[in-house]
Amino acid sequence: MSETRVVSIHTPTIRLDQFLKWAGAAPTGGQAKQLIGSGQVLVNGRTETRRAHSLSDGDQVEVAGSGLCLQVQYRPGR
């Protein structure tokens, strides 16, 4: 079973590769690109291979084998 962690963003949308870095699921942009390109990232239960895929409030992101589910939460302001 995956642990769900809510990750707040301060813009209405965020690119998948940027989100993985922001959430700490990938330490570098290069590693985020590699994870996405190799089909190891699921967005709302579907494999996503486009690093520019746009995420918004409520989307769920999983990295295969990590046991972690990241939920996008839009919090305006800041």
N, C-alpha and C. Protein backbone atom coordinates (compact mmCIF):
# COMPACT_ATOMS: atom_id res chain seq x y z
N MET A 1 0.84 -1.19 0.00
CA MET A 1 0.00 0.00 0.00
C MET A 1 0.88 1.25 0.00
N SER A 2 0.51 2.23 -0.78
CA SER A 2 1.29 3.46 -0.90
C SER A 2 0.91 4.47 0.18
N GLU A 3 1.90 5.20 0.62
CA GLU A 3 1.68 6.33 1.52
C GLU A 3 1.34 7.53 0.65
N THR A 4 0.28 8.26 0.99
CA THR A 4 -0.08 9.45 0.22
C THR A 4 0.42 10.69 0.95
N ARG A 5 1.13 11.52 0.20
CA ARG A 5 1.64 12.78 0.76
C ARG A 5 1.14 13.91 -0.11
N VAL A 6 0.55 14.92 0.53
CA VAL A 6 0.05 16.09 -0.18
C VAL A 6 1.21 17.07 -0.39
N VAL A 7 1.36 17.53 -1.64
CA VAL A 7 2.42 18.48 -1.98
C VAL A 7 1.75 19.74 -2.53
N SER A 8 1.95 20.86 -1.84
CA SER A 8 1.34 22.12 -2.25
C SER A 8 2.14 22.80 -3.36
N ILE A 9 1.41 23.35 -4.33
CA ILE A 9 2.02 24.16 -5.38
C ILE A 9 1.38 25.54 -5.31
N HIS A 10 2.05 26.56 -5.81
CA HIS A 10 1.57 27.93 -5.70
C HIS A 10 1.16 28.53 -7.04
N THR A 11 1.06 27.67 -8.05
CA THR A 11 0.56 28.07 -9.36
C THR A 11 -0.55 27.08 -9.72
N PRO A 12 -1.48 27.45 -10.60
CA PRO A 12 -2.58 26.53 -10.92
C PRO A 12 -2.13 25.21 -11.54
N THR A 13 -1.01 25.24 -12.28
CA THR A 13 -0.48 24.02 -12.90
C THR A 13 1.03 23.97 -12.70
N ILE A 14 1.59 22.77 -12.89
CA ILE A 14 3.03 22.58 -12.81
C ILE A 14 3.39 21.41 -13.74
N ARG A 15 4.54 21.51 -14.38
CA ARG A 15 5.01 20.42 -15.25
C ARG A 15 5.39 19.22 -14.40
N LEU A 16 5.19 18.04 -14.95
CA LEU A 16 5.48 16.80 -14.23
C LEU A 16 6.92 16.74 -13.75
N ASP A 17 7.88 17.07 -14.61
CA ASP A 17 9.28 16.99 -14.20
C ASP A 17 9.60 17.98 -13.08
N GLN A 18 9.02 19.17 -13.16
CA GLN A 18 9.23 20.16 -12.10
C GLN A 18 8.62 19.70 -10.78
N PHE A 19 7.46 19.07 -10.88
CA PHE A 19 6.78 18.59 -9.68
C PHE A 19 7.60 17.51 -8.97
N LEU A 20 8.17 16.60 -9.74
CA LEU A 20 8.97 15.53 -9.12
C LEU A 20 10.14 16.11 -8.35
N LYS A 21 10.77 17.15 -8.89
CA LYS A 21 11.85 17.83 -8.16
C LYS A 21 11.31 18.57 -6.94
N TRP A 22 10.24 19.32 -7.11
CA TRP A 22 9.63 20.11 -6.03
C TRP A 22 9.24 19.20 -4.86
N ALA A 23 8.69 18.03 -5.18
CA ALA A 23 8.21 17.11 -4.15
C ALA A 23 9.33 16.28 -3.52
N GLY A 24 10.53 16.33 -4.12
CA GLY A 24 11.65 15.56 -3.59
C GLY A 24 11.68 14.11 -4.07
N ALA A 25 10.86 13.79 -5.06
CA ALA A 25 10.83 12.43 -5.60
C ALA A 25 12.00 12.17 -6.54
N ALA A 26 12.60 13.24 -7.06
CA ALA A 26 13.78 13.16 -7.92
C ALA A 26 14.72 14.29 -7.50
N PRO A 27 15.96 13.97 -7.16
CA PRO A 27 16.88 15.01 -6.70
C PRO A 27 17.34 15.99 -7.78
N THR A 28 17.27 15.58 -9.04
CA THR A 28 17.70 16.45 -10.13
C THR A 28 16.69 16.39 -11.27
N GLY A 29 16.74 17.41 -12.12
CA GLY A 29 15.89 17.41 -13.30
C GLY A 29 16.22 16.27 -14.24
N GLY A 30 17.50 15.92 -14.31
CA GLY A 30 17.92 14.81 -15.16
C GLY A 30 17.33 13.49 -14.70
N GLN A 31 17.31 13.29 -13.39
CA GLN A 31 16.74 12.05 -12.86
C GLN A 31 15.22 12.05 -13.07
N ALA A 32 14.57 13.20 -12.92
CA ALA A 32 13.13 13.27 -13.18
C ALA A 32 12.85 12.90 -14.64
N LYS A 33 13.63 13.44 -15.55
CA LYS A 33 13.48 13.14 -16.98
C LYS A 33 13.65 11.65 -17.24
N GLN A 34 14.63 11.04 -16.59
CA GLN A 34 14.89 9.61 -16.78
C GLN A 34 13.73 8.76 -16.24
N LEU A 35 13.23 9.09 -15.06
CA LEU A 35 12.11 8.36 -14.48
C LEU A 35 10.89 8.42 -15.38
N ILE A 36 10.58 9.62 -15.86
CA ILE A 36 9.41 9.81 -16.71
C ILE A 36 9.59 9.09 -18.04
N GLY A 37 10.75 9.28 -18.67
CA GLY A 37 11.02 8.69 -19.98
C GLY A 37 11.03 7.17 -19.98
N SER A 38 11.36 6.57 -18.84
CA SER A 38 11.41 5.11 -18.77
C SER A 38 10.09 4.49 -18.34
N GLY A 39 9.06 5.34 -18.22
CA GLY A 39 7.73 4.82 -17.91
C GLY A 39 7.51 4.45 -16.45
N GLN A 40 8.30 5.00 -15.57
CA GLN A 40 8.20 4.66 -14.15
C GLN A 40 7.30 5.61 -13.36
N VAL A 41 6.65 6.55 -14.04
CA VAL A 41 5.81 7.52 -13.35
C VAL A 41 4.36 7.36 -13.80
N LEU A 42 3.47 7.27 -12.81
CA LEU A 42 2.04 7.18 -13.08
C LEU A 42 1.38 8.48 -12.65
N VAL A 43 0.49 8.98 -13.48
CA VAL A 43 -0.31 10.15 -13.15
C VAL A 43 -1.77 9.70 -13.18
N ASN A 44 -2.43 9.80 -12.04
CA ASN A 44 -3.82 9.35 -11.90
C ASN A 44 -3.99 7.92 -12.39
N GLY A 45 -3.00 7.07 -12.06
CA GLY A 45 -3.08 5.65 -12.38
C GLY A 45 -2.64 5.25 -13.77
N ARG A 46 -2.21 6.20 -14.60
CA ARG A 46 -1.78 5.90 -15.97
C ARG A 46 -0.32 6.27 -16.16
N THR A 47 0.40 5.44 -16.89
CA THR A 47 1.80 5.73 -17.19
C THR A 47 1.89 7.01 -18.00
N GLU A 48 2.79 7.90 -17.57
CA GLU A 48 2.99 9.17 -18.28
C GLU A 48 4.45 9.29 -18.67
N THR A 49 4.72 9.48 -19.97
CA THR A 49 6.09 9.58 -20.46
C THR A 49 6.43 10.97 -20.98
N ARG A 50 5.52 11.92 -20.83
CA ARG A 50 5.78 13.30 -21.26
C ARG A 50 6.17 14.13 -20.04
N ARG A 51 7.39 14.60 -20.02
CA ARG A 51 7.84 15.36 -18.85
C ARG A 51 7.14 16.70 -18.74
N ALA A 52 6.61 17.22 -19.84
CA ALA A 52 5.91 18.50 -19.82
C ALA A 52 4.42 18.33 -19.51
N HIS A 53 4.00 17.12 -19.17
CA HIS A 53 2.59 16.90 -18.82
C HIS A 53 2.21 17.87 -17.70
N SER A 54 1.09 18.54 -17.85
CA SER A 54 0.66 19.55 -16.90
C SER A 54 -0.18 18.93 -15.78
N LEU A 55 0.25 19.14 -14.55
CA LEU A 55 -0.48 18.67 -13.38
C LEU A 55 -1.26 19.82 -12.77
N SER A 56 -2.39 19.49 -12.16
CA SER A 56 -3.18 20.51 -11.47
C SER A 56 -3.75 19.92 -10.18
N ASP A 57 -4.47 20.75 -9.45
CA ASP A 57 -5.01 20.38 -8.15
C ASP A 57 -5.74 19.04 -8.19
N GLY A 58 -5.39 18.15 -7.27
CA GLY A 58 -6.06 16.86 -7.17
C GLY A 58 -5.39 15.73 -7.91
N ASP A 59 -4.47 16.03 -8.82
CA ASP A 59 -3.77 14.96 -9.54
C ASP A 59 -2.92 14.15 -8.56
N GLN A 60 -2.78 12.85 -8.86
CA GLN A 60 -1.94 11.98 -8.04
C GLN A 60 -0.81 11.43 -8.89
N VAL A 61 0.39 11.45 -8.32
CA VAL A 61 1.59 11.02 -9.02
C VAL A 61 2.27 9.93 -8.21
N GLU A 62 2.62 8.83 -8.88
CA GLU A 62 3.35 7.74 -8.23
C GLU A 62 4.61 7.43 -9.02
N VAL A 63 5.68 7.13 -8.31
CA VAL A 63 6.92 6.66 -8.94
C VAL A 63 7.02 5.18 -8.63
N ALA A 64 7.12 4.36 -9.67
CA ALA A 64 7.16 2.91 -9.51
C ALA A 64 8.22 2.48 -8.51
N GLY A 65 7.83 1.61 -7.60
CA GLY A 65 8.76 1.05 -6.63
C GLY A 65 9.06 1.93 -5.44
N SER A 66 8.53 3.15 -5.40
CA SER A 66 8.85 4.06 -4.29
C SER A 66 7.90 3.89 -3.12
N GLY A 67 6.71 3.32 -3.37
CA GLY A 67 5.72 3.19 -2.32
C GLY A 67 5.12 4.51 -1.89
N LEU A 68 5.29 5.54 -2.71
CA LEU A 68 4.83 6.88 -2.36
C LEU A 68 3.86 7.40 -3.42
N CYS A 69 2.74 7.95 -2.96
CA CYS A 69 1.78 8.59 -3.83
C CYS A 69 1.76 10.07 -3.46
N LEU A 70 2.00 10.93 -4.43
CA LEU A 70 2.05 12.37 -4.21
C LEU A 70 0.79 13.00 -4.77
N GLN A 71 0.08 13.74 -3.95
CA GLN A 71 -1.14 14.41 -4.41
C GLN A 71 -0.87 15.90 -4.53
N VAL A 72 -1.21 16.44 -5.70
CA VAL A 72 -1.01 17.87 -5.98
C VAL A 72 -2.11 18.66 -5.29
N GLN A 73 -1.72 19.70 -4.56
CA GLN A 73 -2.69 20.61 -3.95
C GLN A 73 -2.31 22.04 -4.28
N TYR A 74 -3.21 22.71 -5.00
CA TYR A 74 -2.98 24.11 -5.37
C TYR A 74 -3.36 25.03 -4.21
N ARG A 75 -2.41 25.82 -3.78
CA ARG A 75 -2.64 26.82 -2.74
C ARG A 75 -2.21 28.17 -3.29
N PRO A 76 -3.16 28.99 -3.74
CA PRO A 76 -2.80 30.29 -4.31
C PRO A 76 -2.16 31.20 -3.27
N GLY A 77 -1.47 32.16 -3.79
CA GLY A 77 -0.85 33.13 -2.89
C GLY A 77 0.66 32.95 -2.82
N ARG A 78 1.19 33.48 -1.75
CA ARG A 78 2.62 33.42 -1.45
C ARG A 78 3.42 34.36 -2.22
